[in-house]
Amino acid sequence: MPIRWYGPANPEDPTYRHFERIVNFCVHAGAFAAINSGAWFFQEMRHPFPEPSLSWITGVWATALAIQLASVIARRPKESD
């Protein structure tokens, strides 16, 4: 089932902005998984990259992804009772 936002899209709404950050994180994580798994597959099949470069790319990108996740969690809106 696709993710949907029910109601008017109001960029000033904190819940809407948090939802937007979550969707952006999911797109980033999906791109990381797809591109990285493909790069490692070709690395194992044909060895097109110099030895340490793909490890560095994966590490830096995974670190950026972890920082983005921490940012999404830290910036989540407070629950209003």
PDB file of N, CA and C in Angstrom:
ATOM      1  N   MET A   1       0.845  -1.167   0.000  1.00  0.00           N
ATOM      2  CA  MET A   1       0.000   0.000   0.000  1.00  0.00           C
ATOM      3  C   MET A   1       0.898   1.241   0.000  1.00  0.00           C
ATOM      4  N   PRO A   2       0.631   2.183  -0.881  1.00  0.00           N
ATOM      5  CA  PRO A   2       1.486   3.371  -0.959  1.00  0.00           C
ATOM      6  C   PRO A   2       1.280   4.289   0.243  1.00  0.00           C
ATOM      7  N   ILE A   3       2.331   5.042   0.543  1.00  0.00           N
ATOM      8  CA  ILE A   3       2.239   6.029   1.611  1.00  0.00           C
ATOM      9  C   ILE A   3       1.478   7.228   1.068  1.00  0.00           C
ATOM     10  N   ARG A   4       0.512   7.711   1.862  1.00  0.00           N
ATOM     11  CA  ARG A   4      -0.281   8.857   1.416  1.00  0.00           C
ATOM     12  C   ARG A   4      -0.408   9.865   2.540  1.00  0.00           C
ATOM     13  N   TRP A   5      -0.559  11.086   2.147  1.00  0.00           N
ATOM     14  CA  TRP A   5      -0.842  12.147   3.095  1.00  0.00           C
ATOM     15  C   TRP A   5      -2.290  12.547   2.868  1.00  0.00           C
ATOM     16  N   TYR A   6      -3.106  12.369   3.910  1.00  0.00           N
ATOM     17  CA  TYR A   6      -4.519  12.710   3.805  1.00  0.00           C
ATOM     18  C   TYR A   6      -4.728  14.111   4.361  1.00  0.00           C
ATOM     19  N   GLY A   7      -5.269  14.947   3.551  1.00  0.00           N
ATOM     20  CA  GLY A   7      -5.485  16.328   3.956  1.00  0.00           C
ATOM     21  C   GLY A   7      -4.703  17.261   3.058  1.00  0.00           C
ATOM     22  N   PRO A   8      -4.861  18.552   3.297  1.00  0.00           N
ATOM     23  CA  PRO A   8      -4.142  19.522   2.467  1.00  0.00           C
ATOM     24  C   PRO A   8      -2.645  19.507   2.781  1.00  0.00           C
ATOM     25  N   ALA A   9      -1.849  19.690   1.753  1.00  0.00           N
ATOM     26  CA  ALA A   9      -0.393  19.726   1.926  1.00  0.00           C
ATOM     27  C   ALA A   9      -0.006  21.113   2.427  1.00  0.00           C
ATOM     28  N   ASN A  10       0.293  21.188   3.715  1.00  0.00           N
ATOM     29  CA  ASN A  10       0.667  22.458   4.325  1.00  0.00           C
ATOM     30  C   ASN A  10       2.109  22.366   4.802  1.00  0.00           C
ATOM     31  N   PRO A  11       3.056  22.998   4.117  1.00  0.00           N
ATOM     32  CA  PRO A  11       4.461  22.915   4.522  1.00  0.00           C
ATOM     33  C   PRO A  11       4.743  23.513   5.897  1.00  0.00           C
ATOM     34  N   GLU A  12       3.824  24.282   6.446  1.00  0.00           N
ATOM     35  CA  GLU A  12       4.009  24.853   7.783  1.00  0.00           C
ATOM     36  C   GLU A  12       3.634  23.866   8.886  1.00  0.00           C
ATOM     37  N   ASP A  13       2.904  22.816   8.557  1.00  0.00           N
ATOM     38  CA  ASP A  13       2.481  21.813   9.538  1.00  0.00           C
ATOM     39  C   ASP A  13       3.677  20.959   9.951  1.00  0.00           C
ATOM     40  N   PRO A  14       4.000  20.886  11.255  1.00  0.00           N
ATOM     41  CA  PRO A  14       5.164  20.107  11.689  1.00  0.00           C
ATOM     42  C   PRO A  14       5.050  18.617  11.364  1.00  0.00           C
ATOM     43  N   THR A  15       3.845  18.074  11.435  1.00  0.00           N
ATOM     44  CA  THR A  15       3.661  16.658  11.114  1.00  0.00           C
ATOM     45  C   THR A  15       3.917  16.411   9.638  1.00  0.00           C
ATOM     46  N   TYR A  16       3.442  17.315   8.795  1.00  0.00           N
ATOM     47  CA  TYR A  16       3.680  17.193   7.358  1.00  0.00           C
ATOM     48  C   TYR A  16       5.168  17.282   7.049  1.00  0.00           C
ATOM     49  N   ARG A  17       5.881  18.211   7.688  1.00  0.00           N
ATOM     50  CA  ARG A  17       7.321  18.348   7.453  1.00  0.00           C
ATOM     51  C   ARG A  17       8.079  17.109   7.920  1.00  0.00           C
ATOM     52  N   HIS A  18       7.647  16.526   9.040  1.00  0.00           N
ATOM     53  CA  HIS A  18       8.296  15.305   9.520  1.00  0.00           C
ATOM     54  C   HIS A  18       8.043  14.151   8.544  1.00  0.00           C
ATOM     55  N   PHE A  19       6.817  14.050   8.072  1.00  0.00           N
ATOM     56  CA  PHE A  19       6.481  13.023   7.090  1.00  0.00           C
ATOM     57  C   PHE A  19       7.329  13.192   5.833  1.00  0.00           C
ATOM     58  N   GLU A  20       7.534  14.433   5.408  1.00  0.00           N
ATOM     59  CA  GLU A  20       8.371  14.711   4.237  1.00  0.00           C
ATOM     60  C   GLU A  20       9.820  14.273   4.479  1.00  0.00           C
ATOM     61  N   ARG A  21      10.333  14.512   5.686  1.00  0.00           N
ATOM     62  CA  ARG A  21      11.697  14.078   6.019  1.00  0.00           C
ATOM     63  C   ARG A  21      11.805  12.556   6.009  1.00  0.00           C
ATOM     64  N   ILE A  22      10.765  11.872   6.499  1.00  0.00           N
ATOM     65  CA  ILE A  22      10.774  10.405   6.498  1.00  0.00           C
ATOM     66  C   ILE A  22      10.788   9.878   5.069  1.00  0.00           C
ATOM     67  N   VAL A  23       9.958  10.448   4.205  1.00  0.00           N
ATOM     68  CA  VAL A  23       9.914  10.010   2.806  1.00  0.00           C
ATOM     69  C   VAL A  23      11.262  10.266   2.133  1.00  0.00           C
ATOM     70  N   ASN A  24      11.875  11.418   2.380  1.00  0.00           N
ATOM     71  CA  ASN A  24      13.189  11.713   1.803  1.00  0.00           C
ATOM     72  C   ASN A  24      14.236  10.726   2.297  1.00  0.00           C
ATOM     73  N   PHE A  25      14.173  10.361   3.577  1.00  0.00           N
ATOM     74  CA  PHE A  25      15.108   9.372   4.106  1.00  0.00           C
ATOM     75  C   PHE A  25      14.900   8.018   3.426  1.00  0.00           C
ATOM     76  N   CYS A  26      13.654   7.623   3.234  1.00  0.00           N
ATOM     77  CA  CYS A  26      13.376   6.332   2.585  1.00  0.00           C
ATOM     78  C   CYS A  26      13.885   6.312   1.144  1.00  0.00           C
ATOM     79  N   VAL A  27      13.739   7.414   0.429  1.00  0.00           N
ATOM     80  CA  VAL A  27      14.273   7.495  -0.936  1.00  0.00           C
ATOM     81  C   VAL A  27      15.796   7.392  -0.908  1.00  0.00           C
ATOM     82  N   HIS A  28      16.436   8.084   0.035  1.00  0.00           N
ATOM     83  CA  HIS A  28      17.887   8.042   0.167  1.00  0.00           C
ATOM     84  C   HIS A  28      18.357   6.628   0.511  1.00  0.00           C
ATOM     85  N   ALA A  29      17.661   5.969   1.442  1.00  0.00           N
ATOM     86  CA  ALA A  29      18.039   4.604   1.826  1.00  0.00           C
ATOM     87  C   ALA A  29      17.840   3.629   0.664  1.00  0.00           C
ATOM     88  N   GLY A  30      16.772   3.800  -0.099  1.00  0.00           N
ATOM     89  CA  GLY A  30      16.547   2.941  -1.254  1.00  0.00           C
ATOM     90  C   GLY A  30      17.604   3.120  -2.327  1.00  0.00           C
ATOM     91  N   ALA A  31      17.985   4.369  -2.579  1.00  0.00           N
ATOM     92  CA  ALA A  31      19.051   4.628  -3.555  1.00  0.00           C
ATOM     93  C   ALA A  31      20.374   4.047  -3.071  1.00  0.00           C
ATOM     94  N   PHE A  32      20.653   4.192  -1.782  1.00  0.00           N
ATOM     95  CA  PHE A  32      21.874   3.617  -1.203  1.00  0.00           C
ATOM     96  C   PHE A  32      21.896   2.105  -1.406  1.00  0.00           C
ATOM     97  N   ALA A  33      20.793   1.445  -1.086  1.00  0.00           N
ATOM     98  CA  ALA A  33      20.742  -0.013  -1.210  1.00  0.00           C
ATOM     99  C   ALA A  33      20.892  -0.459  -2.664  1.00  0.00           C
ATOM    100  N   ALA A  34      20.183   0.188  -3.569  1.00  0.00           N
ATOM    101  CA  ALA A  34      20.218  -0.225  -4.973  1.00  0.00           C
ATOM    102  C   ALA A  34      21.580   0.033  -5.612  1.00  0.00           C
ATOM    103  N   ILE A  35      22.093   1.234  -5.454  1.00  0.00           N
ATOM    104  CA  ILE A  35      23.364   1.583  -6.100  1.00  0.00           C
ATOM    105  C   ILE A  35      24.523   0.835  -5.472  1.00  0.00           C
ATOM    106  N   ASN A  36      24.511   0.742  -4.140  1.00  0.00           N
ATOM    107  CA  ASN A  36      25.608   0.072  -3.461  1.00  0.00           C
ATOM    108  C   ASN A  36      25.638  -1.425  -3.747  1.00  0.00           C
ATOM    109  N   SER A  37      24.472  -2.067  -3.733  1.00  0.00           N
ATOM    110  CA  SER A  37      24.468  -3.503  -4.013  1.00  0.00           C
ATOM    111  C   SER A  37      24.895  -3.774  -5.454  1.00  0.00           C
ATOM    112  N   GLY A  38      24.472  -2.914  -6.385  1.00  0.00           N
ATOM    113  CA  GLY A  38      24.915  -3.069  -7.766  1.00  0.00           C
ATOM    114  C   GLY A  38      26.403  -2.851  -7.934  1.00  0.00           C
ATOM    115  N   ALA A  39      26.934  -1.840  -7.249  1.00  0.00           N
ATOM    116  CA  ALA A  39      28.376  -1.569  -7.339  1.00  0.00           C
ATOM    117  C   ALA A  39      29.185  -2.729  -6.769  1.00  0.00           C
ATOM    118  N   TRP A  40      28.748  -3.266  -5.629  1.00  0.00           N
ATOM    119  CA  TRP A  40      29.484  -4.391  -5.037  1.00  0.00           C
ATOM    120  C   TRP A  40      29.356  -5.649  -5.898  1.00  0.00           C
ATOM    121  N   PHE A  41      28.198  -5.823  -6.551  1.00  0.00           N
ATOM    122  CA  PHE A  41      28.026  -6.968  -7.449  1.00  0.00           C
ATOM    123  C   PHE A  41      29.025  -6.887  -8.598  1.00  0.00           C
ATOM    124  N   PHE A  42      29.113  -5.717  -9.245  1.00  0.00           N
ATOM    125  CA  PHE A  42      30.065  -5.563 -10.343  1.00  0.00           C
ATOM    126  C   PHE A  42      31.505  -5.629  -9.856  1.00  0.00           C
ATOM    127  N   GLN A  43      31.739  -5.177  -8.636  1.00  0.00           N
ATOM    128  CA  GLN A  43      33.079  -5.291  -8.054  1.00  0.00           C
ATOM    129  C   GLN A  43      33.477  -6.766  -7.953  1.00  0.00           C
ATOM    130  N   GLU A  44      32.571  -7.591  -7.503  1.00  0.00           N
ATOM    131  CA  GLU A  44      32.866  -9.020  -7.357  1.00  0.00           C
ATOM    132  C   GLU A  44      32.943  -9.732  -8.708  1.00  0.00           C
ATOM    133  N   MET A  45      32.172  -9.263  -9.682  1.00  0.00           N
ATOM    134  CA  MET A  45      32.158  -9.932 -10.986  1.00  0.00           C
ATOM    135  C   MET A  45      33.351  -9.536 -11.863  1.00  0.00           C
ATOM    136  N   ARG A  46      33.679  -8.230 -11.912  1.00  0.00           N
ATOM    137  CA  ARG A  46      34.681  -7.774 -12.874  1.00  0.00           C
ATOM    138  C   ARG A  46      35.821  -6.971 -12.266  1.00  0.00           C
ATOM    139  N   HIS A  47      35.725  -6.588 -11.035  1.00  0.00           N
ATOM    140  CA  HIS A  47      36.745  -5.778 -10.347  1.00  0.00           C
ATOM    141  C   HIS A  47      37.051  -4.464 -11.074  1.00  0.00           C
ATOM    142  N   PRO A  48      36.049  -3.623 -11.344  1.00  0.00           N
ATOM    143  CA  PRO A  48      36.336  -2.392 -12.073  1.00  0.00           C
ATOM    144  C   PRO A  48      36.877  -1.255 -11.207  1.00  0.00           C
ATOM    145  N   PHE A  49      36.725  -1.340  -9.894  1.00  0.00           N
ATOM    146  CA  PHE A  49      37.142  -0.246  -9.018  1.00  0.00           C
ATOM    147  C   PHE A  49      38.501  -0.553  -8.412  1.00  0.00           C
ATOM    148  N   PRO A  50      39.303   0.464  -8.157  1.00  0.00           N
ATOM    149  CA  PRO A  50      40.530   0.231  -7.381  1.00  0.00           C
ATOM    150  C   PRO A  50      40.144  -0.304  -6.003  1.00  0.00           C
ATOM    151  N   GLU A  51      40.997  -1.074  -5.394  1.00  0.00           N
ATOM    152  CA  GLU A  51      40.662  -1.842  -4.200  1.00  0.00           C
ATOM    153  C   GLU A  51      39.979  -1.060  -3.077  1.00  0.00           C
ATOM    154  N   PRO A  52      40.538   0.015  -2.545  1.00  0.00           N
ATOM    155  CA  PRO A  52      39.874   0.605  -1.380  1.00  0.00           C
ATOM    156  C   PRO A  52      38.760   1.605  -1.701  1.00  0.00           C
ATOM    157  N   SER A  53      38.601   2.000  -2.957  1.00  0.00           N
ATOM    158  CA  SER A  53      37.684   3.104  -3.251  1.00  0.00           C
ATOM    159  C   SER A  53      36.226   2.772  -2.963  1.00  0.00           C
ATOM    160  N   LEU A  54      35.767   1.578  -3.310  1.00  0.00           N
ATOM    161  CA  LEU A  54      34.364   1.242  -3.089  1.00  0.00           C
ATOM    162  C   LEU A  54      34.056   1.126  -1.602  1.00  0.00           C
ATOM    163  N   SER A  55      34.997   0.637  -0.829  1.00  0.00           N
ATOM    164  CA  SER A  55      34.796   0.574   0.621  1.00  0.00           C
ATOM    165  C   SER A  55      34.646   1.972   1.212  1.00  0.00           C
ATOM    166  N   TRP A  56      35.455   2.905   0.728  1.00  0.00           N
ATOM    167  CA  TRP A  56      35.357   4.280   1.208  1.00  0.00           C
ATOM    168  C   TRP A  56      34.029   4.911   0.806  1.00  0.00           C
ATOM    169  N   ILE A  57      33.617   4.692  -0.422  1.00  0.00           N
ATOM    170  CA  ILE A  57      32.346   5.253  -0.886  1.00  0.00           C
ATOM    171  C   ILE A  57      31.197   4.707  -0.055  1.00  0.00           C
ATOM    172  N   THR A  58      31.201   3.405   0.175  1.00  0.00           N
ATOM    173  CA  THR A  58      30.154   2.788   0.980  1.00  0.00           C
ATOM    174  C   THR A  58      30.161   3.340   2.400  1.00  0.00           C
ATOM    175  N   GLY A  59      31.333   3.454   2.985  1.00  0.00           N
ATOM    176  CA  GLY A  59      31.429   3.955   4.352  1.00  0.00           C
ATOM    177  C   GLY A  59      30.968   5.390   4.504  1.00  0.00           C
ATOM    178  N   VAL A  60      31.389   6.245   3.581  1.00  0.00           N
ATOM    179  CA  VAL A  60      30.992   7.656   3.646  1.00  0.00           C
ATOM    180  C   VAL A  60      29.493   7.796   3.422  1.00  0.00           C
ATOM    181  N   TRP A  61      28.968   7.066   2.450  1.00  0.00           N
ATOM    182  CA  TRP A  61      27.541   7.153   2.163  1.00  0.00           C
ATOM    183  C   TRP A  61      26.721   6.586   3.322  1.00  0.00           C
ATOM    184  N   ALA A  62      27.150   5.477   3.908  1.00  0.00           N
ATOM    185  CA  ALA A  62      26.439   4.903   5.054  1.00  0.00           C
ATOM    186  C   ALA A  62      26.472   5.860   6.245  1.00  0.00           C
ATOM    187  N   THR A  63      27.581   6.555   6.423  1.00  0.00           N
ATOM    188  CA  THR A  63      27.669   7.543   7.498  1.00  0.00           C
ATOM    189  C   THR A  63      26.696   8.694   7.252  1.00  0.00           C
ATOM    190  N   ALA A  64      26.629   9.166   6.014  1.00  0.00           N
ATOM    191  CA  ALA A  64      25.677  10.229   5.676  1.00  0.00           C
ATOM    192  C   ALA A  64      24.244   9.764   5.901  1.00  0.00           C
ATOM    193  N   LEU A  65      23.955   8.518   5.572  1.00  0.00           N
ATOM    194  CA  LEU A  65      22.622   7.962   5.787  1.00  0.00           C
ATOM    195  C   LEU A  65      22.305   7.880   7.278  1.00  0.00           C
ATOM    196  N   ALA A  66      23.270   7.476   8.093  1.00  0.00           N
ATOM    197  CA  ALA A  66      23.065   7.408   9.543  1.00  0.00           C
ATOM    198  C   ALA A  66      22.846   8.800  10.137  1.00  0.00           C
ATOM    199  N   ILE A  67      23.576   9.792   9.636  1.00  0.00           N
ATOM    200  CA  ILE A  67      23.388  11.170  10.108  1.00  0.00           C
ATOM    201  C   ILE A  67      21.995  11.672   9.734  1.00  0.00           C
ATOM    202  N   GLN A  68      21.547  11.344   8.532  1.00  0.00           N
ATOM    203  CA  GLN A  68      20.210  11.756   8.118  1.00  0.00           C
ATOM    204  C   GLN A  68      19.154  11.088   8.992  1.00  0.00           C
ATOM    205  N   LEU A  69      19.327   9.811   9.321  1.00  0.00           N
ATOM    206  CA  LEU A  69      18.380   9.118  10.193  1.00  0.00           C
ATOM    207  C   LEU A  69      18.347   9.770  11.572  1.00  0.00           C
ATOM    208  N   ALA A  70      19.507  10.083  12.122  1.00  0.00           N
ATOM    209  CA  ALA A  70      19.555  10.750  13.425  1.00  0.00           C
ATOM    210  C   ALA A  70      18.852  12.102  13.366  1.00  0.00           C
ATOM    211  N   SER A  71      19.011  12.815  12.259  1.00  0.00           N
ATOM    212  CA  SER A  71      18.350  14.104  12.093  1.00  0.00           C
ATOM    213  C   SER A  71      16.833  13.946  12.031  1.00  0.00           C
ATOM    214  N   VAL A  72      16.365  12.936  11.316  1.00  0.00           N
ATOM    215  CA  VAL A  72      14.920  12.696  11.215  1.00  0.00           C
ATOM    216  C   VAL A  72      14.347  12.370  12.592  1.00  0.00           C
ATOM    217  N   ILE A  73      15.047  11.542  13.345  1.00  0.00           N
ATOM    218  CA  ILE A  73      14.564  11.165  14.675  1.00  0.00           C
ATOM    219  C   ILE A  73      14.604  12.358  15.627  1.00  0.00           C
ATOM    220  N   ALA A  74      15.676  13.125  15.592  1.00  0.00           N
ATOM    221  CA  ALA A  74      15.820  14.260  16.510  1.00  0.00           C
ATOM    222  C   ALA A  74      14.820  15.375  16.213  1.00  0.00           C
ATOM    223  N   ARG A  75      14.428  15.533  14.963  1.00  0.00           N
ATOM    224  CA  ARG A  75      13.546  16.635  14.580  1.00  0.00           C
ATOM    225  C   ARG A  75      12.080  16.242  14.535  1.00  0.00           C
ATOM    226  N   ARG A  76      11.741  15.070  15.046  1.00  0.00           N
ATOM    227  CA  ARG A  76      10.335  14.671  15.006  1.00  0.00           C
ATOM    228  C   ARG A  76       9.518  15.582  15.923  1.00  0.00           C
ATOM    229  N   PRO A  77       8.299  15.897  15.523  1.00  0.00           N
ATOM    230  CA  PRO A  77       7.493  16.819  16.332  1.00  0.00           C
ATOM    231  C   PRO A  77       7.039  16.152  17.629  1.00  0.00           C
ATOM    232  N   LYS A  78       6.854  16.975  18.635  1.00  0.00           N
ATOM    233  CA  LYS A  78       6.356  16.483  19.922  1.00  0.00           C
ATOM    234  C   LYS A  78       4.890  16.116  19.772  1.00  0.00           C
ATOM    235  N   GLU A  79       4.495  15.083  20.503  1.00  0.00           N
ATOM    236  CA  GLU A  79       3.091  14.679  20.459  1.00  0.00           C
ATOM    237  C   GLU A  79       2.261  15.663  21.263  1.00  0.00           C
ATOM    238  N   SER A  80       1.175  16.099  20.673  1.00  0.00           N
ATOM    239  CA  SER A  80       0.269  16.993  21.404  1.00  0.00           C
ATOM    240  C   SER A  80      -0.896  16.167  21.933  1.00  0.00           C
ATOM    241  N   ASP A  81      -1.172  16.340  23.196  1.00  0.00           N
ATOM    242  CA  ASP A  81      -2.258  15.562  23.829  1.00  0.00           C
ATOM    243  C   ASP A  81      -3.582  16.251  23.694  1.00  0.00           C
TER     244      ASP A  81
END
